[in-house]
N, C-alpha and C. Protein backbone atom coordinates (compact mmCIF):
# COMPACT_ATOMS: atom_id res chain seq x y z
N MET A 1 124.68 117.36 73.95
CA MET A 1 125.17 117.43 75.32
C MET A 1 126.41 116.58 75.51
N GLY A 2 126.60 115.64 74.63
CA GLY A 2 127.76 114.78 74.78
C GLY A 2 127.37 113.43 75.36
N LYS A 3 128.13 112.43 75.02
CA LYS A 3 127.86 111.07 75.45
C LYS A 3 127.85 110.97 76.98
N GLY A 4 126.79 110.38 77.51
CA GLY A 4 126.67 110.15 78.94
C GLY A 4 126.37 111.37 79.79
N ARG A 5 126.09 112.51 79.16
CA ARG A 5 125.85 113.74 79.92
C ARG A 5 124.39 114.12 80.06
N TRP A 6 123.49 113.27 79.60
CA TRP A 6 122.07 113.56 79.73
C TRP A 6 121.33 112.32 80.18
N LEU A 7 120.15 112.55 80.74
CA LEU A 7 119.32 111.45 81.25
C LEU A 7 118.25 111.09 80.22
N PRO A 8 118.05 109.81 79.96
CA PRO A 8 117.00 109.41 79.02
C PRO A 8 115.63 109.89 79.49
N ARG A 9 114.81 110.25 78.54
CA ARG A 9 113.45 110.72 78.84
C ARG A 9 112.57 109.52 79.19
N GLY A 10 111.76 109.66 80.22
CA GLY A 10 110.80 108.64 80.59
C GLY A 10 109.41 108.95 80.05
N GLY A 11 109.24 110.14 79.51
CA GLY A 11 107.96 110.59 78.98
C GLY A 11 108.13 111.95 78.34
N LEU A 12 107.03 112.50 77.88
CA LEU A 12 107.10 113.78 77.19
C LEU A 12 106.45 114.92 77.96
N GLY A 13 105.99 114.64 79.18
CA GLY A 13 105.40 115.70 79.99
C GLY A 13 104.08 116.17 79.42
N THR A 14 103.81 117.45 79.58
CA THR A 14 102.53 118.00 79.11
C THR A 14 102.62 118.34 77.63
N PHE A 15 101.46 118.37 77.00
CA PHE A 15 101.36 118.73 75.60
C PHE A 15 100.75 120.13 75.49
N ALA A 16 101.28 120.91 74.58
CA ALA A 16 100.70 122.22 74.28
C ALA A 16 99.84 122.04 73.04
N VAL A 17 98.57 122.32 73.18
CA VAL A 17 97.63 122.16 72.08
C VAL A 17 97.12 123.54 71.70
N GLY A 18 97.26 123.88 70.43
CA GLY A 18 96.78 125.17 69.93
C GLY A 18 95.60 124.95 69.01
N PHE A 19 94.53 125.71 69.24
CA PHE A 19 93.35 125.61 68.39
C PHE A 19 93.19 126.89 67.58
N PRO A 20 92.74 126.78 66.33
CA PRO A 20 92.53 127.98 65.53
C PRO A 20 91.59 128.95 66.25
N SER A 21 91.97 130.23 66.23
CA SER A 21 91.16 131.24 66.92
C SER A 21 91.50 132.61 66.38
N ALA A 22 90.52 133.48 66.37
CA ALA A 22 90.73 134.87 65.97
C ALA A 22 91.24 135.70 67.15
N GLU A 23 91.20 135.13 68.35
CA GLU A 23 91.62 135.86 69.55
C GLU A 23 93.11 135.64 69.82
N GLU A 24 93.69 136.60 70.54
CA GLU A 24 95.09 136.49 70.94
C GLU A 24 95.25 135.29 71.89
N PRO A 25 96.37 134.55 71.81
CA PRO A 25 96.52 133.35 72.64
C PRO A 25 96.75 133.63 74.12
N GLY A 26 97.30 134.79 74.46
CA GLY A 26 97.53 135.10 75.87
C GLY A 26 98.79 134.48 76.45
N ASP A 27 99.43 133.60 75.72
CA ASP A 27 100.67 132.97 76.21
C ASP A 27 101.78 133.14 75.18
N ASP A 28 101.75 134.27 74.49
CA ASP A 28 102.69 134.44 73.38
C ASP A 28 103.83 135.41 73.68
N GLY A 29 104.18 135.54 74.96
CA GLY A 29 105.30 136.39 75.32
C GLY A 29 106.63 135.69 75.10
N TRP A 30 107.66 136.46 74.75
CA TRP A 30 109.00 135.91 74.57
C TRP A 30 109.51 135.40 75.90
N HIS A 31 110.20 134.27 75.90
CA HIS A 31 110.72 133.68 77.14
C HIS A 31 111.78 132.63 76.82
N ILE A 32 112.47 132.19 77.88
CA ILE A 32 113.28 130.99 77.82
C ILE A 32 112.66 130.04 78.83
N GLU A 33 113.03 128.79 78.78
CA GLU A 33 112.53 127.84 79.76
C GLU A 33 113.37 127.96 81.02
N VAL A 34 112.74 128.40 82.08
CA VAL A 34 113.42 128.44 83.37
C VAL A 34 113.38 127.04 83.96
N SER A 35 114.29 126.75 84.90
CA SER A 35 114.40 125.34 85.27
C SER A 35 114.53 125.04 86.75
N PHE A 36 114.61 126.06 87.59
CA PHE A 36 114.68 125.73 89.01
C PHE A 36 114.08 126.87 89.83
N ALA A 37 113.63 126.50 91.01
CA ALA A 37 113.02 127.48 91.91
C ALA A 37 113.74 127.40 93.25
N TYR A 38 113.68 128.46 93.99
CA TYR A 38 114.20 128.42 95.35
C TYR A 38 113.05 128.13 96.30
N GLU A 39 112.28 129.12 96.63
CA GLU A 39 111.22 128.87 97.62
C GLU A 39 109.84 129.30 97.16
N LYS A 40 109.73 130.11 96.15
CA LYS A 40 108.44 130.67 95.75
C LYS A 40 107.78 129.81 94.67
N PRO A 41 106.50 129.51 94.84
CA PRO A 41 105.81 128.71 93.83
C PRO A 41 105.42 129.53 92.58
N ASP A 42 105.50 130.86 92.64
CA ASP A 42 105.17 131.74 91.52
C ASP A 42 106.10 131.41 90.35
N PHE A 43 105.55 130.98 89.22
CA PHE A 43 106.37 130.57 88.09
C PHE A 43 107.27 131.69 87.59
N MET A 44 106.84 132.93 87.71
CA MET A 44 107.68 134.06 87.27
C MET A 44 108.93 134.20 88.15
N GLU A 45 108.94 133.51 89.30
CA GLU A 45 110.10 133.53 90.19
C GLU A 45 111.03 132.33 89.97
N TRP A 46 110.65 131.41 89.05
CA TRP A 46 111.56 130.33 88.70
C TRP A 46 112.77 130.94 88.01
N ARG A 47 113.88 130.24 88.01
CA ARG A 47 115.15 130.82 87.62
C ARG A 47 115.86 130.01 86.52
N ALA A 48 116.82 130.68 85.91
CA ALA A 48 117.78 130.06 85.00
C ALA A 48 119.13 130.65 85.34
N ASN A 49 120.18 129.86 85.16
CA ASN A 49 121.52 130.39 85.37
C ASN A 49 122.43 129.96 84.21
N VAL A 50 123.60 130.54 84.18
CA VAL A 50 124.51 130.29 83.07
C VAL A 50 124.98 128.83 83.03
N HIS A 51 124.83 128.11 84.13
CA HIS A 51 125.20 126.69 84.17
C HIS A 51 124.02 125.81 83.79
N ARG A 52 122.93 126.39 83.47
CA ARG A 52 121.70 125.75 82.99
C ARG A 52 121.25 124.62 83.91
N LYS A 53 121.24 124.92 85.17
CA LYS A 53 120.78 123.95 86.18
C LYS A 53 119.39 123.45 85.81
N GLY A 54 119.24 122.14 85.71
CA GLY A 54 117.93 121.53 85.51
C GLY A 54 117.47 121.34 84.08
N ARG A 55 118.17 121.82 83.10
CA ARG A 55 117.74 121.62 81.71
C ARG A 55 118.96 121.67 80.80
N ALA A 56 119.13 120.62 80.01
CA ALA A 56 120.27 120.56 79.10
C ALA A 56 119.92 121.08 77.71
N LEU A 57 118.71 120.83 77.24
CA LEU A 57 118.25 121.28 75.93
C LEU A 57 116.79 121.67 75.98
N LEU A 58 116.40 122.55 75.10
CA LEU A 58 114.99 122.83 74.82
C LEU A 58 114.62 121.92 73.66
N MET A 59 113.60 121.10 73.85
CA MET A 59 113.17 120.19 72.79
C MET A 59 111.74 120.51 72.41
N LEU A 60 111.47 120.57 71.11
CA LEU A 60 110.12 120.79 70.60
C LEU A 60 109.74 119.60 69.74
N PHE A 61 108.79 118.81 70.20
CA PHE A 61 108.31 117.64 69.46
C PHE A 61 107.01 117.99 68.77
N LEU A 62 106.96 117.89 67.44
CA LEU A 62 105.74 118.18 66.70
C LEU A 62 104.94 116.88 66.55
N PHE A 63 103.73 116.88 67.09
CA PHE A 63 102.86 115.70 67.00
C PHE A 63 101.74 115.89 65.99
N SER A 64 101.73 117.02 65.33
CA SER A 64 100.83 117.27 64.21
C SER A 64 101.62 118.07 63.19
N ASP A 65 101.16 118.08 61.97
CA ASP A 65 101.81 118.93 60.97
C ASP A 65 101.65 120.37 61.43
N VAL A 66 102.73 121.13 61.38
CA VAL A 66 102.69 122.52 61.82
C VAL A 66 103.22 123.40 60.69
N GLY A 67 102.31 124.17 60.11
CA GLY A 67 102.69 125.13 59.08
C GLY A 67 102.83 126.51 59.68
N ILE A 68 103.11 127.49 58.83
CA ILE A 68 103.34 128.85 59.34
C ILE A 68 102.09 129.47 59.95
N HIS A 69 100.92 128.94 59.65
CA HIS A 69 99.68 129.47 60.21
C HIS A 69 99.06 128.55 61.25
N ASP A 70 99.83 127.62 61.78
CA ASP A 70 99.28 126.60 62.69
C ASP A 70 99.83 126.72 64.11
N SER A 71 99.83 127.91 64.67
CA SER A 71 100.26 128.10 66.06
C SER A 71 101.68 127.56 66.27
N SER A 72 102.54 127.88 65.33
CA SER A 72 103.92 127.43 65.44
C SER A 72 104.65 128.21 66.54
N THR A 73 105.82 127.73 66.91
CA THR A 73 106.64 128.40 67.90
C THR A 73 107.57 129.37 67.19
N ARG A 74 107.60 130.61 67.65
CA ARG A 74 108.54 131.60 67.10
C ARG A 74 109.87 131.45 67.83
N ILE A 75 110.95 131.54 67.09
CA ILE A 75 112.29 131.39 67.63
C ILE A 75 113.13 132.58 67.19
N ARG A 76 113.86 133.16 68.12
CA ARG A 76 114.81 134.21 67.78
C ARG A 76 116.18 133.54 67.58
N VAL A 77 116.55 133.38 66.32
CA VAL A 77 117.77 132.68 65.96
C VAL A 77 119.00 133.41 66.52
N GLY A 78 119.79 132.70 67.30
CA GLY A 78 121.00 133.27 67.89
C GLY A 78 120.77 133.92 69.25
N SER A 79 119.55 133.93 69.72
CA SER A 79 119.23 134.58 71.00
C SER A 79 119.88 133.90 72.19
N HIS A 80 120.29 132.65 72.03
CA HIS A 80 120.97 131.96 73.13
C HIS A 80 122.27 132.67 73.51
N ILE A 81 122.87 133.36 72.57
CA ILE A 81 124.10 134.12 72.84
C ILE A 81 123.78 135.30 73.76
N ASP A 82 122.70 136.01 73.43
CA ASP A 82 122.28 137.16 74.25
C ASP A 82 121.90 136.72 75.66
N THR A 83 121.21 135.60 75.75
CA THR A 83 120.77 135.10 77.06
C THR A 83 121.96 134.70 77.91
N ALA A 84 122.95 134.03 77.33
CA ALA A 84 124.14 133.64 78.09
C ALA A 84 124.83 134.86 78.66
N ARG A 85 124.91 135.91 77.86
CA ARG A 85 125.55 137.15 78.34
C ARG A 85 124.73 137.82 79.43
N GLN A 86 123.43 137.71 79.34
CA GLN A 86 122.55 138.30 80.36
C GLN A 86 122.65 137.54 81.68
N LEU A 87 122.77 136.21 81.60
CA LEU A 87 122.80 135.38 82.80
C LEU A 87 124.17 135.34 83.49
N ALA A 88 125.25 135.50 82.76
CA ALA A 88 126.60 135.31 83.31
C ALA A 88 126.87 136.14 84.57
N PRO A 89 126.54 137.43 84.62
CA PRO A 89 126.85 138.20 85.83
C PRO A 89 126.11 137.71 87.08
N ALA A 90 124.98 137.02 86.89
CA ALA A 90 124.18 136.54 88.03
C ALA A 90 124.73 135.24 88.62
N LYS A 91 125.73 134.68 87.97
CA LYS A 91 126.42 133.47 88.45
C LYS A 91 125.46 132.32 88.79
N GLU A 92 125.72 131.60 89.90
CA GLU A 92 124.94 130.40 90.26
C GLU A 92 123.49 130.72 90.60
N ALA A 93 123.23 131.86 91.23
CA ALA A 93 121.86 132.22 91.62
C ALA A 93 120.97 132.43 90.40
N GLY A 94 121.54 132.90 89.32
CA GLY A 94 120.78 133.12 88.10
C GLY A 94 119.80 134.27 88.23
N LEU A 95 118.87 134.31 87.29
CA LEU A 95 117.84 135.34 87.25
C LEU A 95 116.48 134.69 87.18
N THR A 96 115.48 135.38 87.70
CA THR A 96 114.12 134.87 87.62
C THR A 96 113.57 135.16 86.23
N LEU A 97 112.52 134.45 85.87
CA LEU A 97 111.85 134.72 84.60
C LEU A 97 111.35 136.16 84.59
N ARG A 98 110.89 136.66 85.71
CA ARG A 98 110.43 138.05 85.80
C ARG A 98 111.58 139.01 85.48
N GLU A 99 112.76 138.74 86.02
CA GLU A 99 113.92 139.59 85.74
C GLU A 99 114.34 139.49 84.27
N LEU A 100 114.38 138.28 83.76
CA LEU A 100 114.79 138.07 82.37
C LEU A 100 113.82 138.74 81.40
N ALA A 101 112.53 138.68 81.70
CA ALA A 101 111.50 139.17 80.78
C ALA A 101 111.10 140.62 81.04
N SER A 102 111.74 141.28 81.99
CA SER A 102 111.31 142.62 82.38
C SER A 102 111.32 143.61 81.21
N ASP A 103 112.17 143.39 80.24
CA ASP A 103 112.21 144.27 79.07
C ASP A 103 111.72 143.56 77.81
N GLY A 104 111.00 142.45 77.99
CA GLY A 104 110.48 141.70 76.84
C GLY A 104 111.56 141.02 76.02
N PHE A 105 112.68 140.72 76.68
CA PHE A 105 113.84 140.11 76.01
C PHE A 105 114.34 141.01 74.88
N ALA A 106 114.39 142.31 75.17
CA ALA A 106 114.83 143.31 74.19
C ALA A 106 116.25 143.04 73.69
N GLY A 107 117.08 142.39 74.51
CA GLY A 107 118.45 142.10 74.10
C GLY A 107 118.54 141.18 72.90
N SER A 108 117.46 140.48 72.59
CA SER A 108 117.46 139.60 71.42
C SER A 108 116.48 140.06 70.34
N ALA A 109 115.91 141.25 70.51
CA ALA A 109 114.90 141.74 69.56
C ALA A 109 115.47 141.93 68.15
N HIS A 110 116.76 142.12 68.04
CA HIS A 110 117.40 142.32 66.74
C HIS A 110 117.60 141.01 65.98
N ARG A 111 117.35 139.89 66.62
CA ARG A 111 117.60 138.59 66.01
C ARG A 111 116.53 138.24 64.97
N LEU A 112 116.96 137.49 63.96
CA LEU A 112 116.06 136.97 62.95
C LEU A 112 115.03 136.06 63.60
N GLU A 113 113.79 136.19 63.22
CA GLU A 113 112.73 135.35 63.78
C GLU A 113 112.38 134.23 62.79
N GLN A 114 112.35 133.00 63.29
CA GLN A 114 111.98 131.84 62.48
C GLN A 114 110.82 131.13 63.17
N LEU A 115 110.08 130.35 62.41
CA LEU A 115 108.98 129.56 62.96
C LEU A 115 109.37 128.09 62.97
N ALA A 116 109.06 127.41 64.07
CA ALA A 116 109.33 125.96 64.18
C ALA A 116 108.17 125.23 63.51
N THR A 117 108.35 124.93 62.25
CA THR A 117 107.31 124.27 61.47
C THR A 117 107.83 122.93 60.96
N GLY A 118 106.90 122.11 60.48
CA GLY A 118 107.31 120.85 59.88
C GLY A 118 106.23 119.80 60.01
N PRO A 119 106.52 118.62 59.50
CA PRO A 119 105.55 117.54 59.58
C PRO A 119 105.53 116.90 60.97
N ALA A 120 104.44 116.24 61.27
CA ALA A 120 104.35 115.48 62.52
C ALA A 120 105.54 114.55 62.60
N GLY A 121 106.17 114.49 63.77
CA GLY A 121 107.34 113.66 63.96
C GLY A 121 108.65 114.44 63.98
N LYS A 122 108.62 115.68 63.50
CA LYS A 122 109.84 116.49 63.52
C LYS A 122 110.14 116.90 64.95
N VAL A 123 111.43 116.92 65.30
CA VAL A 123 111.87 117.32 66.63
C VAL A 123 112.94 118.39 66.49
N TYR A 124 112.76 119.47 67.21
CA TYR A 124 113.76 120.52 67.28
C TYR A 124 114.55 120.34 68.57
N LEU A 125 115.86 120.26 68.47
CA LEU A 125 116.75 120.21 69.62
C LEU A 125 117.46 121.56 69.66
N CYS A 126 117.16 122.35 70.68
CA CYS A 126 117.62 123.73 70.72
C CYS A 126 118.46 124.01 71.96
N HIS A 127 119.31 125.01 71.84
CA HIS A 127 120.09 125.46 72.99
C HIS A 127 119.10 125.88 74.09
N PRO A 128 119.39 125.55 75.34
CA PRO A 128 118.42 125.83 76.40
C PRO A 128 118.19 127.32 76.67
N PHE A 129 119.04 128.22 76.15
CA PHE A 129 118.86 129.65 76.35
C PHE A 129 118.09 130.32 75.21
N LEU A 130 117.61 129.54 74.27
CA LEU A 130 116.94 130.10 73.09
C LEU A 130 115.65 130.83 73.48
N VAL A 131 115.53 132.08 73.06
CA VAL A 131 114.32 132.87 73.31
C VAL A 131 113.27 132.46 72.28
N HIS A 132 112.08 132.13 72.78
CA HIS A 132 111.01 131.66 71.90
C HIS A 132 109.65 132.10 72.43
N SER A 133 108.63 131.88 71.62
CA SER A 133 107.30 132.33 71.97
C SER A 133 106.26 131.55 71.19
N ALA A 134 105.07 131.46 71.77
CA ALA A 134 103.94 130.91 71.03
C ALA A 134 103.56 131.91 69.94
N TYR A 135 102.82 131.45 68.96
CA TYR A 135 102.42 132.29 67.84
C TYR A 135 100.93 132.08 67.60
N LYS A 136 100.22 133.14 67.30
CA LYS A 136 98.78 133.06 67.09
C LYS A 136 98.44 132.02 66.03
N ASP A 137 97.38 131.28 66.27
CA ASP A 137 96.95 130.21 65.37
C ASP A 137 95.89 130.73 64.41
N TYR A 138 96.29 130.92 63.16
CA TYR A 138 95.34 131.33 62.12
C TYR A 138 94.92 130.15 61.26
N GLY A 139 95.43 128.97 61.56
CA GLY A 139 95.21 127.80 60.72
C GLY A 139 93.80 127.24 60.79
N LYS A 140 93.67 126.07 60.26
CA LYS A 140 92.37 125.40 60.21
C LYS A 140 92.34 124.12 61.02
N GLN A 141 93.48 123.73 61.60
CA GLN A 141 93.55 122.49 62.36
C GLN A 141 94.29 122.71 63.67
N PRO A 142 94.00 121.92 64.68
CA PRO A 142 94.73 122.05 65.95
C PRO A 142 96.20 121.68 65.77
N ARG A 143 97.03 122.23 66.65
CA ARG A 143 98.46 121.96 66.65
C ARG A 143 98.79 121.27 67.97
N PHE A 144 99.53 120.15 67.90
CA PHE A 144 99.93 119.39 69.09
C PHE A 144 101.45 119.34 69.15
N ILE A 145 102.01 119.84 70.26
CA ILE A 145 103.46 119.73 70.47
C ILE A 145 103.72 119.35 71.92
N ALA A 146 104.90 118.83 72.17
CA ALA A 146 105.38 118.60 73.53
C ALA A 146 106.71 119.33 73.65
N GLN A 147 106.98 119.82 74.84
CA GLN A 147 108.19 120.60 75.06
C GLN A 147 108.88 120.15 76.35
N PRO A 148 109.25 118.86 76.43
CA PRO A 148 109.86 118.37 77.67
C PRO A 148 111.32 118.81 77.77
N PRO A 149 111.84 118.87 78.97
CA PRO A 149 113.26 119.18 79.11
C PRO A 149 114.11 117.94 78.87
N LEU A 150 115.29 118.15 78.36
CA LEU A 150 116.29 117.09 78.39
C LEU A 150 117.11 117.40 79.63
N LEU A 151 117.10 116.48 80.57
CA LEU A 151 117.76 116.71 81.86
C LEU A 151 119.23 116.32 81.80
N PRO A 152 120.08 117.15 82.38
CA PRO A 152 121.51 116.83 82.39
C PRO A 152 121.84 115.78 83.45
N ARG A 153 122.75 114.90 83.15
CA ARG A 153 123.25 113.94 84.14
C ARG A 153 124.16 114.65 85.13
N GLU A 154 124.84 115.67 84.66
CA GLU A 154 125.73 116.48 85.48
C GLU A 154 125.50 117.94 85.09
N PRO A 155 125.79 118.87 85.97
CA PRO A 155 125.60 120.28 85.61
C PRO A 155 126.48 120.70 84.43
N ILE A 156 126.00 121.67 83.69
CA ILE A 156 126.84 122.25 82.65
C ILE A 156 128.04 122.86 83.34
N SER A 157 129.21 122.63 82.76
CA SER A 157 130.44 123.13 83.37
C SER A 157 131.17 124.03 82.38
N LEU A 158 131.55 125.18 82.84
CA LEU A 158 132.31 126.11 82.01
C LEU A 158 133.79 126.12 82.40
N GLU A 159 134.16 125.14 83.25
CA GLU A 159 135.54 125.00 83.71
C GLU A 159 135.92 123.52 83.70
N ARG A 160 136.19 122.96 82.55
CA ARG A 160 136.59 121.55 82.45
C ARG A 160 138.10 121.45 82.28
N SER A 161 138.74 120.73 83.18
CA SER A 161 140.20 120.60 83.12
C SER A 161 140.65 119.83 81.88
N ASP A 162 139.78 118.95 81.36
CA ASP A 162 140.16 118.16 80.19
C ASP A 162 139.69 118.78 78.87
N ASN A 163 139.05 119.95 78.93
CA ASN A 163 138.54 120.67 77.76
C ASN A 163 137.51 119.87 76.95
N SER A 164 136.87 118.88 77.56
CA SER A 164 135.88 118.06 76.85
C SER A 164 134.50 118.71 76.96
N TYR A 165 134.37 119.90 76.44
CA TYR A 165 133.12 120.65 76.51
C TYR A 165 132.10 120.11 75.53
N SER A 166 130.84 120.13 75.96
CA SER A 166 129.74 119.74 75.09
C SER A 166 129.46 120.89 74.12
N PRO A 167 128.72 120.65 73.05
CA PRO A 167 128.35 121.75 72.14
C PRO A 167 127.62 122.89 72.88
N VAL A 168 126.76 122.57 73.82
CA VAL A 168 126.06 123.61 74.58
C VAL A 168 127.06 124.42 75.39
N GLU A 169 127.98 123.76 76.05
CA GLU A 169 128.99 124.47 76.84
C GLU A 169 129.88 125.34 75.95
N LYS A 170 130.29 124.82 74.80
CA LYS A 170 131.13 125.58 73.87
C LYS A 170 130.41 126.85 73.42
N THR A 171 129.12 126.74 73.16
CA THR A 171 128.36 127.90 72.72
C THR A 171 128.29 128.96 73.81
N ILE A 172 128.08 128.53 75.05
CA ILE A 172 128.05 129.48 76.17
C ILE A 172 129.41 130.14 76.32
N LEU A 173 130.47 129.36 76.26
CA LEU A 173 131.82 129.91 76.39
C LEU A 173 132.12 130.92 75.28
N ARG A 174 131.73 130.60 74.05
CA ARG A 174 131.94 131.54 72.93
C ARG A 174 131.15 132.83 73.16
N ALA A 175 129.91 132.70 73.64
CA ALA A 175 129.07 133.89 73.90
C ALA A 175 129.72 134.79 74.94
N LEU A 176 130.44 134.18 75.88
CA LEU A 176 131.08 134.94 76.95
C LEU A 176 132.50 135.37 76.59
N GLY A 177 132.90 135.10 75.35
CA GLY A 177 134.22 135.51 74.88
C GLY A 177 135.36 134.69 75.43
N ARG A 178 135.09 133.44 75.77
CA ARG A 178 136.13 132.57 76.34
C ARG A 178 136.44 131.40 75.42
């Protein structure tokens, strides 16, 4: 995000715990982390916009060893480009999670899928538009992760007079052909 452009974390928020099971997890739909709401408490009505109001990065903290069969997080590599292009026409108002997910994030279905695996202590710092999903747990041990937001000190800006864009901003600008 760049020096001085993010707020230090005071905690890690809620933990996602996955237990081995033969049943479908029920929370394994493709999504991005939405970050702001207007008036409706319905989570599917929470929004994201191209300025990424309310979230600077998607962070995945592994608190247990996570292998390919341990309820890892699926990631569509490069999907942040597709999401930026999808959000840009909606400007400041952005789109709701319901609108973004209406086609199952088909705009990124062509992307290579990777699993966020590794030893306990590994942290993934990801572009906030990255499309990701839970993955069924076929393993033998529980999986513990935290997925707190990294909050921006200032909104993401796609119009900086000094051209001092952060890596996240540069990626959005490249996705939009600017």
